[in-house]
Amino acid sequence: MLTLYTFPTPNGHKASILLEELGLHYKVHKLDLMGGEHKQPDYLAISPIGKIPAVVEELPGGVRRKLFGSGAILLHFAERTGRLMPQGVEARADALSWLMLGISDLGPTAVDMFRFSVRAPEKIPYAIDLFKGELIRCYDAMEGRLAEREFLADEYSIADISCYPFIAVAAVANAALLERYPNIKRWHDTLAARPAVQRGMAVPE
């Protein structure tokens, strides 16, 4: 049995899109973040910093395999199944770079931009301008890349899955975003039409 611990955020949606694309059977545990469930010992034993997503697999012999963090989950299941990651050495290395752009650049920058521009009780122009500039760097890089090819890697992969939920959320918050980046718009619309992406974006209900 595979259990996905998640919440309806872009990071959570990366994991659910992946599992839907792979056709893996899993159950969903929606964490009660408002109630502090992510800070309780049972969950910290799965995800030591209390963030989502996380996955627990019940394996033969009573073994429980625990994974936390969207990057670890994406890479583990892609490698384990041999899917959603180019197999050639050069193509795989290229895909890893764009996977990590989503994990370590686009995602954290988008989260920090939201925190400082929306949630912070005091708006700090320096912080807002900093993260806005970093987001534009990510968008510009993706736009240039997608001018050359259909997907971020040589084929549809976890690199696309790592970036798509943050672009989807940004497009809802700022309707003009995709009009400024036509190649990202084409890519976004292609992924948004995939049934597995649609199912993954609806998890948890």
C-alpha atoms as a PDB file:
ATOM      1  CA  MET A   1       0.000   0.000   0.000  1.00  0.00           C
ATOM      2  CA  LEU A   2       1.202   3.457  -0.926  1.00  0.00           C
ATOM      3  CA  THR A   3       0.029   6.478   1.071  1.00  0.00           C
ATOM      4  CA  LEU A   4       0.522  10.058  -0.082  1.00  0.00           C
ATOM      5  CA  TYR A   5       0.516  12.656   2.673  1.00  0.00           C
ATOM      6  CA  THR A   6      -0.355  15.921   1.035  1.00  0.00           C
ATOM      7  CA  PHE A   7      -2.251  19.198   0.881  1.00  0.00           C
ATOM      8  CA  PRO A   8      -3.569  21.163  -2.134  1.00  0.00           C
ATOM      9  CA  THR A   9      -0.405  23.141  -2.861  1.00  0.00           C
ATOM     10  CA  PRO A  10       1.943  23.102  -5.866  1.00  0.00           C
ATOM     11  CA  ASN A  11       4.444  20.923  -4.019  1.00  0.00           C
ATOM     12  CA  GLY A  12       1.733  18.456  -3.115  1.00  0.00           C
ATOM     13  CA  HIS A  13       0.447  18.453  -6.671  1.00  0.00           C
ATOM     14  CA  LYS A  14       3.857  17.446  -8.030  1.00  0.00           C
ATOM     15  CA  ALA A  15       3.592  14.144  -6.181  1.00  0.00           C
ATOM     16  CA  SER A  16      -0.027  13.453  -7.092  1.00  0.00           C
ATOM     17  CA  ILE A  17       0.568  14.251 -10.784  1.00  0.00           C
ATOM     18  CA  LEU A  18       3.525  11.858 -10.772  1.00  0.00           C
ATOM     19  CA  LEU A  19       1.532   9.027  -9.201  1.00  0.00           C
ATOM     20  CA  GLU A  20      -1.334   9.584 -11.618  1.00  0.00           C
ATOM     21  CA  GLU A  21       0.998   9.631 -14.619  1.00  0.00           C
ATOM     22  CA  LEU A  22       2.571   6.362 -13.474  1.00  0.00           C
ATOM     23  CA  GLY A  23      -0.817   4.785 -12.798  1.00  0.00           C
ATOM     24  CA  LEU A  24       0.206   3.722  -9.300  1.00  0.00           C
ATOM     25  CA  HIS A  25      -2.498   2.808  -6.819  1.00  0.00           C
ATOM     26  CA  TYR A  26      -2.323   5.014  -3.743  1.00  0.00           C
ATOM     27  CA  LYS A  27      -4.438   6.402  -0.976  1.00  0.00           C
ATOM     28  CA  VAL A  28      -4.449  10.036   0.071  1.00  0.00           C
ATOM     29  CA  HIS A  29      -3.997  11.407   3.556  1.00  0.00           C
ATOM     30  CA  LYS A  30      -4.839  15.113   3.549  1.00  0.00           C
ATOM     31  CA  LEU A  31      -2.908  16.651   6.394  1.00  0.00           C
ATOM     32  CA  ASP A  32      -4.700  19.041   8.718  1.00  0.00           C
ATOM     33  CA  LEU A  33      -2.166  21.844   8.513  1.00  0.00           C
ATOM     34  CA  MET A  34      -4.405  24.318  10.317  1.00  0.00           C
ATOM     35  CA  GLY A  35      -4.687  21.854  13.184  1.00  0.00           C
ATOM     36  CA  GLY A  36      -0.947  21.294  13.283  1.00  0.00           C
ATOM     37  CA  GLU A  37      -0.983  17.647  12.211  1.00  0.00           C
ATOM     38  CA  HIS A  38       2.272  18.196  10.305  1.00  0.00           C
ATOM     39  CA  LYS A  39       3.979  19.066  13.598  1.00  0.00           C
ATOM     40  CA  GLN A  40       2.922  15.921  15.424  1.00  0.00           C
ATOM     41  CA  PRO A  41       5.459  13.158  16.202  1.00  0.00           C
ATOM     42  CA  ASP A  42       3.768  10.601  13.944  1.00  0.00           C
ATOM     43  CA  TYR A  43       4.169  12.811  10.888  1.00  0.00           C
ATOM     44  CA  LEU A  44       7.607  14.114  11.864  1.00  0.00           C
ATOM     45  CA  ALA A  45       8.733  10.475  11.876  1.00  0.00           C
ATOM     46  CA  ILE A  46       7.891  10.496   8.137  1.00  0.00           C
ATOM     47  CA  SER A  47       8.849  14.055   7.197  1.00  0.00           C
ATOM     48  CA  PRO A  48      11.341  15.363   9.791  1.00  0.00           C
ATOM     49  CA  ILE A  49      10.773  19.026   8.907  1.00  0.00           C
ATOM     50  CA  GLY A  50       7.010  18.618   8.808  1.00  0.00           C
ATOM     51  CA  LYS A  51       6.501  19.611   5.179  1.00  0.00           C
ATOM     52  CA  ILE A  52       4.484  18.034   2.412  1.00  0.00           C
ATOM     53  CA  PRO A  53       4.415  15.942   0.341  1.00  0.00           C
ATOM     54  CA  ALA A  54       5.548  12.660   1.831  1.00  0.00           C
ATOM     55  CA  VAL A  55       4.981   9.051   0.859  1.00  0.00           C
ATOM     56  CA  VAL A  56       4.961   5.832   2.852  1.00  0.00           C
ATOM     57  CA  GLU A  57       5.069   2.432   1.179  1.00  0.00           C
ATOM     58  CA  GLU A  58       4.149  -0.696   3.078  1.00  0.00           C
ATOM     59  CA  LEU A  59       6.472  -3.366   1.689  1.00  0.00           C
ATOM     60  CA  PRO A  60       6.748  -7.121   2.261  1.00  0.00           C
ATOM     61  CA  GLY A  61       8.261  -8.153   5.557  1.00  0.00           C
ATOM     62  CA  GLY A  62       6.816  -5.203   7.425  1.00  0.00           C
ATOM     63  CA  VAL A  63       9.217  -2.730   5.821  1.00  0.00           C
ATOM     64  CA  ARG A  64       7.999   0.870   5.596  1.00  0.00           C
ATOM     65  CA  ARG A  65       9.751   2.968   2.953  1.00  0.00           C
ATOM     66  CA  LYS A  66       9.420   6.672   3.721  1.00  0.00           C
ATOM     67  CA  LEU A  67      10.112   9.519   1.324  1.00  0.00           C
ATOM     68  CA  PHE A  68       9.658  13.209   2.025  1.00  0.00           C
ATOM     69  CA  GLY A  69       9.976  16.164  -0.298  1.00  0.00           C
ATOM     70  CA  SER A  70       8.671  16.459  -3.831  1.00  0.00           C
ATOM     71  CA  GLY A  71      12.110  16.134  -5.431  1.00  0.00           C
ATOM     72  CA  ALA A  72      12.896  12.851  -3.699  1.00  0.00           C
ATOM     73  CA  ILE A  73       9.475  11.462  -4.579  1.00  0.00           C
ATOM     74  CA  LEU A  74       9.702  12.474  -8.246  1.00  0.00           C
ATOM     75  CA  LEU A  75      13.190  11.076  -8.710  1.00  0.00           C
ATOM     76  CA  HIS A  76      12.619   7.855  -6.751  1.00  0.00           C
ATOM     77  CA  PHE A  77       9.535   6.762  -8.648  1.00  0.00           C
ATOM     78  CA  ALA A  78      10.888   7.834 -12.036  1.00  0.00           C
ATOM     79  CA  GLU A  79      14.029   5.771 -11.475  1.00  0.00           C
ATOM     80  CA  ARG A  80      12.155   2.856  -9.958  1.00  0.00           C
ATOM     81  CA  THR A  81       9.669   2.588 -12.824  1.00  0.00           C
ATOM     82  CA  GLY A  82      12.026   3.620 -15.613  1.00  0.00           C
ATOM     83  CA  ARG A  83       9.508   6.203 -16.766  1.00  0.00           C
ATOM     84  CA  LEU A  84       9.247   9.994 -16.958  1.00  0.00           C
ATOM     85  CA  MET A  85      13.017  10.399 -17.166  1.00  0.00           C
ATOM     86  CA  PRO A  86      15.168  10.191 -20.307  1.00  0.00           C
ATOM     87  CA  GLN A  87      17.407   7.123 -20.225  1.00  0.00           C
ATOM     88  CA  GLY A  88      20.509   8.308 -22.090  1.00  0.00           C
ATOM     89  CA  VAL A  89      23.315   9.727 -19.955  1.00  0.00           C
ATOM     90  CA  GLU A  90      23.362  13.139 -21.634  1.00  0.00           C
ATOM     91  CA  ALA A  91      19.575  13.428 -21.870  1.00  0.00           C
ATOM     92  CA  ARG A  92      19.175  12.391 -18.231  1.00  0.00           C
ATOM     93  CA  ALA A  93      21.771  14.930 -17.076  1.00  0.00           C
ATOM     94  CA  ASP A  94      19.955  17.636 -19.033  1.00  0.00           C
ATOM     95  CA  ALA A  95      16.601  16.651 -17.538  1.00  0.00           C
ATOM     96  CA  LEU A  96      18.045  16.719 -14.028  1.00  0.00           C
ATOM     97  CA  SER A  97      19.053  20.358 -14.443  1.00  0.00           C
ATOM     98  CA  TRP A  98      15.494  21.370 -15.317  1.00  0.00           C
ATOM     99  CA  LEU A  99      14.068  19.128 -12.609  1.00  0.00           C
ATOM    100  CA  MET A 100      16.196  20.961 -10.071  1.00  0.00           C
ATOM    101  CA  LEU A 101      15.180  24.352 -11.460  1.00  0.00           C
ATOM    102  CA  GLY A 102      11.648  23.451 -10.415  1.00  0.00           C
ATOM    103  CA  ILE A 103      12.707  22.015  -7.068  1.00  0.00           C
ATOM    104  CA  SER A 104      15.310  24.507  -5.867  1.00  0.00           C
ATOM    105  CA  ASP A 105      14.642  27.712  -7.828  1.00  0.00           C
ATOM    106  CA  LEU A 106      11.140  28.171  -9.230  1.00  0.00           C
ATOM    107  CA  GLY A 107       9.287  26.522  -6.342  1.00  0.00           C
ATOM    108  CA  PRO A 108      11.012  28.144  -3.350  1.00  0.00           C
ATOM    109  CA  THR A 109      11.099  31.545  -5.058  1.00  0.00           C
ATOM    110  CA  ALA A 110       7.377  31.398  -5.832  1.00  0.00           C
ATOM    111  CA  VAL A 111       6.615  30.446  -2.225  1.00  0.00           C
ATOM    112  CA  ASP A 112       8.753  33.264  -0.829  1.00  0.00           C
ATOM    113  CA  MET A 113       7.207  35.754  -3.248  1.00  0.00           C
ATOM    114  CA  PHE A 114       3.759  34.768  -1.996  1.00  0.00           C
ATOM    115  CA  ARG A 115       4.833  35.024   1.626  1.00  0.00           C
ATOM    116  CA  PHE A 116       6.301  38.497   1.301  1.00  0.00           C
ATOM    117  CA  SER A 117       3.786  40.005  -1.129  1.00  0.00           C
ATOM    118  CA  VAL A 118       0.579  38.474   0.244  1.00  0.00           C
ATOM    119  CA  ARG A 119       0.914  36.927   3.695  1.00  0.00           C
ATOM    120  CA  ALA A 120       3.453  39.171   5.415  1.00  0.00           C
ATOM    121  CA  PRO A 121       1.813  41.664   7.789  1.00  0.00           C
ATOM    122  CA  GLU A 122       4.435  44.217   6.737  1.00  0.00           C
ATOM    123  CA  LYS A 123       5.274  44.559   3.055  1.00  0.00           C
ATOM    124  CA  ILE A 124       9.018  44.846   2.501  1.00  0.00           C
ATOM    125  CA  PRO A 125       9.699  46.262  -0.988  1.00  0.00           C
ATOM    126  CA  TYR A 126      13.269  44.934  -1.079  1.00  0.00           C
ATOM    127  CA  ALA A 127      12.128  41.344  -0.479  1.00  0.00           C
ATOM    128  CA  ILE A 128       9.235  41.602  -2.926  1.00  0.00           C
ATOM    129  CA  ASP A 129      11.457  43.045  -5.667  1.00  0.00           C
ATOM    130  CA  LEU A 130      14.135  40.427  -4.989  1.00  0.00           C
ATOM    131  CA  PHE A 131      11.824  37.444  -5.359  1.00  0.00           C
ATOM    132  CA  LYS A 132       9.992  39.010  -8.283  1.00  0.00           C
ATOM    133  CA  GLY A 133      13.306  39.355 -10.072  1.00  0.00           C
ATOM    134  CA  GLU A 134      14.227  35.749  -9.292  1.00  0.00           C
ATOM    135  CA  LEU A 135      10.888  34.540 -10.626  1.00  0.00           C
ATOM    136  CA  ILE A 136      11.422  36.471 -13.844  1.00  0.00           C
ATOM    137  CA  ARG A 137      14.821  34.785 -14.195  1.00  0.00           C
ATOM    138  CA  CYS A 138      13.122  31.386 -13.936  1.00  0.00           C
ATOM    139  CA  TYR A 139      10.370  32.348 -16.387  1.00  0.00           C
ATOM    140  CA  ASP A 140      12.890  33.748 -18.870  1.00  0.00           C
ATOM    141  CA  ALA A 141      14.973  30.567 -18.682  1.00  0.00           C
ATOM    142  CA  MET A 142      11.926  28.373 -19.217  1.00  0.00           C
ATOM    143  CA  GLU A 143      10.677  30.552 -22.077  1.00  0.00           C
ATOM    144  CA  GLY A 144      13.997  30.268 -23.876  1.00  0.00           C
ATOM    145  CA  ARG A 145      14.202  26.546 -23.332  1.00  0.00           C
ATOM    146  CA  LEU A 146      10.653  25.934 -24.532  1.00  0.00           C
ATOM    147  CA  ALA A 147      11.292  27.970 -27.671  1.00  0.00           C
ATOM    148  CA  GLU A 148      13.592  25.117 -28.717  1.00  0.00           C
ATOM    149  CA  ARG A 149      11.577  22.054 -27.751  1.00  0.00           C
ATOM    150  CA  GLU A 150       8.167  20.786 -26.708  1.00  0.00           C
ATOM    151  CA  PHE A 151       9.088  19.931 -23.110  1.00  0.00           C
ATOM    152  CA  LEU A 152      11.807  21.015 -20.707  1.00  0.00           C
ATOM    153  CA  ALA A 153      13.782  17.834 -21.398  1.00  0.00           C
ATOM    154  CA  ASP A 154      13.991  15.732 -24.549  1.00  0.00           C
ATOM    155  CA  GLU A 155      10.614  14.223 -23.658  1.00  0.00           C
ATOM    156  CA  TYR A 156       7.834  14.754 -21.125  1.00  0.00           C
ATOM    157  CA  SER A 157       9.395  14.044 -17.743  1.00  0.00           C
ATOM    158  CA  ILE A 158       9.550  14.813 -14.064  1.00  0.00           C
ATOM    159  CA  ALA A 159      11.291  18.059 -15.042  1.00  0.00           C
ATOM    160  CA  ASP A 160       7.958  19.276 -16.425  1.00  0.00           C
ATOM    161  CA  ILE A 161       6.054  17.937 -13.425  1.00  0.00           C
ATOM    162  CA  SER A 162       8.384  19.778 -11.042  1.00  0.00           C
ATOM    163  CA  CYS A 163       7.568  23.145 -12.661  1.00  0.00           C
ATOM    164  CA  TYR A 164       4.007  22.879 -13.913  1.00  0.00           C
ATOM    165  CA  PRO A 165       2.024  23.350 -10.650  1.00  0.00           C
ATOM    166  CA  PHE A 166       3.804  26.611  -9.863  1.00  0.00           C
ATOM    167  CA  ILE A 167       3.213  27.943 -13.364  1.00  0.00           C
ATOM    168  CA  ALA A 168      -0.445  26.886 -13.176  1.00  0.00           C
ATOM    169  CA  VAL A 169      -0.951  28.736  -9.891  1.00  0.00           C
ATOM    170  CA  ALA A 170       0.893  31.816 -11.154  1.00  0.00           C
ATOM    171  CA  ALA A 171      -1.260  31.862 -14.289  1.00  0.00           C
ATOM    172  CA  VAL A 172      -4.423  31.898 -12.178  1.00  0.00           C
ATOM    173  CA  ALA A 173      -3.098  34.681  -9.949  1.00  0.00           C
ATOM    174  CA  ASN A 174      -1.833  36.748 -12.887  1.00  0.00           C
ATOM    175  CA  ALA A 175      -3.840  36.211 -16.058  1.00  0.00           C
ATOM    176  CA  ALA A 176      -1.368  38.226 -18.135  1.00  0.00           C
ATOM    177  CA  LEU A 177       1.580  36.007 -17.241  1.00  0.00           C
ATOM    178  CA  LEU A 178       1.104  33.446 -19.981  1.00  0.00           C
ATOM    179  CA  GLU A 179       0.475  36.128 -22.583  1.00  0.00           C
ATOM    180  CA  ARG A 180       3.959  37.505 -21.904  1.00  0.00           C
ATOM    181  CA  TYR A 181       5.530  34.064 -22.303  1.00  0.00           C
ATOM    182  CA  PRO A 182       4.017  32.360 -25.357  1.00  0.00           C
ATOM    183  CA  ASN A 183       6.257  29.301 -25.201  1.00  0.00           C
ATOM    184  CA  ILE A 184       5.445  28.709 -21.540  1.00  0.00           C
ATOM    185  CA  LYS A 185       1.764  29.167 -22.435  1.00  0.00           C
ATOM    186  CA  ARG A 186       1.949  26.508 -25.140  1.00  0.00           C
ATOM    187  CA  TRP A 187       3.724  24.129 -22.739  1.00  0.00           C
ATOM    188  CA  HIS A 188       1.299  24.935 -19.897  1.00  0.00           C
ATOM    189  CA  ASP A 189      -1.723  24.273 -22.105  1.00  0.00           C
ATOM    190  CA  THR A 190      -0.240  20.987 -23.334  1.00  0.00           C
ATOM    191  CA  LEU A 191       0.293  19.730 -19.794  1.00  0.00           C
ATOM    192  CA  ALA A 192      -3.044  21.060 -18.562  1.00  0.00           C
ATOM    193  CA  ALA A 193      -4.786  18.916 -21.181  1.00  0.00           C
ATOM    194  CA  ARG A 194      -3.207  15.685 -19.926  1.00  0.00           C
ATOM    195  CA  PRO A 195      -5.792  13.607 -18.005  1.00  0.00           C
ATOM    196  CA  ALA A 196      -3.232  12.508 -15.394  1.00  0.00           C
ATOM    197  CA  VAL A 197      -2.247  16.127 -14.758  1.00  0.00           C
ATOM    198  CA  GLN A 198      -5.895  17.063 -14.331  1.00  0.00           C
ATOM    199  CA  ARG A 199      -6.435  14.227 -11.879  1.00  0.00           C
ATOM    200  CA  GLY A 200      -3.259  15.051  -9.969  1.00  0.00           C
ATOM    201  CA  MET A 201      -4.167  18.716  -9.660  1.00  0.00           C
ATOM    202  CA  ALA A 202      -7.469  17.689  -8.056  1.00  0.00           C
ATOM    203  CA  VAL A 203      -5.723  15.779  -5.219  1.00  0.00           C
ATOM    204  CA  PRO A 204      -6.656  16.007  -2.423  1.00  0.00           C
ATOM    205  CA  GLU A 205     -10.320  16.749  -2.905  1.00  0.00           C
END
